[in-house]
Amino acid sequence: MGKAADWLREERRKTLGDWVAFCLKCGFAQRYFDESEGELPAACPQCQGEIRSRCPACDARFSSAFAVDCEACGAELRPPIAFGTPIRKPGR
């Protein structure tokens, strides 16, 4: 990606939040900042499913709403398919 894409990504994170939490059941996603992690809902506001904000294997946070594997340890964060469609295109 070019410098413009990197700049836009950083601006978005500084405005919306550095980290992401998502629902394992329906895919609801929410960005958040370090100091507001404690304010994340205990269950998904849409379907009451489990909200995940950290890797279950190493406790690392993740910055992409489309993450399927942990960047830190490689553990699976969630199944790579949602609603019968791959979350990420193959090879990404």
Protein backbone atom coordinates (compact mmCIF):
# COMPACT_ATOMS: atom_id res chain seq x y z
CA MET A 1 0.00 0.00 0.00
CA GLY A 2 1.09 3.54 -0.66
CA LYS A 3 1.74 6.36 1.75
CA ALA A 4 -1.77 7.78 1.22
CA ALA A 5 -3.36 4.49 2.30
CA ASP A 6 -1.11 4.28 5.37
CA TRP A 7 -1.95 7.87 6.31
CA LEU A 8 -5.69 7.24 5.92
CA ARG A 9 -5.49 4.06 8.00
CA GLU A 10 -3.69 5.89 10.82
CA GLU A 11 -6.15 8.80 10.76
CA ARG A 12 -9.07 6.39 10.91
CA ARG A 13 -7.56 4.58 13.88
CA LYS A 14 -6.86 7.81 15.76
CA THR A 15 -10.47 8.91 15.19
CA LEU A 16 -12.39 5.64 15.64
CA GLY A 17 -10.04 3.61 17.82
CA ASP A 18 -6.80 1.67 17.57
CA TRP A 19 -8.28 -1.74 18.31
CA VAL A 20 -11.28 -3.85 17.23
CA ALA A 21 -13.72 -6.12 18.99
CA PHE A 22 -16.11 -8.33 17.03
CA CYS A 23 -18.95 -10.76 17.60
CA LEU A 24 -18.11 -14.36 16.81
CA LYS A 25 -21.73 -15.12 15.92
CA CYS A 26 -22.92 -12.25 13.66
CA GLY A 27 -19.75 -10.28 12.87
CA PHE A 28 -20.74 -7.03 14.62
CA ALA A 29 -17.55 -4.97 14.97
CA GLN A 30 -16.60 -2.04 17.17
CA ARG A 31 -13.38 -0.02 17.23
CA TYR A 32 -12.09 1.16 20.60
CA PHE A 33 -9.17 2.95 22.29
CA ASP A 34 -6.95 1.51 25.05
CA GLU A 35 -8.69 3.47 27.78
CA SER A 36 -12.19 2.39 26.73
CA GLU A 37 -11.62 -1.38 26.56
CA GLY A 38 -13.49 -1.81 29.84
CA GLU A 39 -16.57 -0.21 28.26
CA LEU A 40 -16.93 -2.88 25.55
CA PRO A 41 -20.22 -4.76 25.79
CA ALA A 42 -20.10 -8.17 27.47
CA ALA A 43 -22.32 -9.59 24.71
CA CYS A 44 -23.13 -8.49 21.18
CA PRO A 45 -25.80 -5.76 21.14
CA GLN A 46 -27.30 -7.30 17.98
CA CYS A 47 -27.45 -11.04 18.70
CA GLN A 48 -26.08 -11.51 22.25
CA GLY A 49 -23.16 -13.56 20.87
CA GLU A 50 -19.63 -13.58 22.29
CA ILE A 51 -17.61 -10.38 21.76
CA ARG A 52 -13.90 -11.01 21.23
CA SER A 53 -11.38 -8.19 21.68
CA ARG A 54 -8.22 -10.22 22.36
CA CYS A 55 -6.61 -13.37 21.07
CA PRO A 56 -7.71 -16.36 23.18
CA ALA A 57 -4.22 -17.90 22.91
CA CYS A 58 -1.88 -14.97 23.67
CA ASP A 59 -4.19 -12.11 24.78
CA ALA A 60 -2.96 -9.79 22.00
CA ARG A 61 -5.33 -7.15 20.65
CA PHE A 62 -6.10 -6.90 16.94
CA SER A 63 -6.57 -3.85 14.74
CA SER A 64 -8.57 -5.26 11.81
CA ALA A 65 -12.28 -6.02 11.82
CA PHE A 66 -11.51 -8.67 9.20
CA ALA A 67 -8.80 -10.50 11.17
CA VAL A 68 -9.18 -14.27 11.26
CA ASP A 69 -5.74 -15.15 12.67
CA CYS A 70 -3.73 -13.42 15.41
CA GLU A 71 -0.88 -11.31 14.05
CA ALA A 72 1.17 -12.00 17.18
CA CYS A 73 0.93 -15.79 17.53
CA GLY A 74 -1.01 -17.06 14.48
CA ALA A 75 -3.86 -18.59 16.50
CA GLU A 76 -7.34 -18.54 15.01
CA LEU A 77 -9.39 -15.57 16.23
CA ARG A 78 -12.57 -16.77 14.55
CA PRO A 79 -13.65 -19.09 11.74
CA PRO A 80 -12.54 -17.69 8.36
CA ILE A 81 -16.08 -17.94 6.91
CA ALA A 82 -19.11 -15.80 7.76
CA PHE A 83 -22.55 -16.37 6.24
CA GLY A 84 -21.06 -18.95 3.84
CA THR A 85 -18.48 -16.52 2.41
CA PRO A 86 -14.76 -16.22 3.21
CA ILE A 87 -14.04 -13.19 5.41
CA ARG A 88 -10.80 -12.56 3.52
CA LYS A 89 -9.96 -13.32 -0.08
CA PRO A 90 -7.52 -16.24 -0.41
CA GLY A 91 -3.89 -15.18 -0.17
CA ARG A 92 -4.51 -12.10 2.01
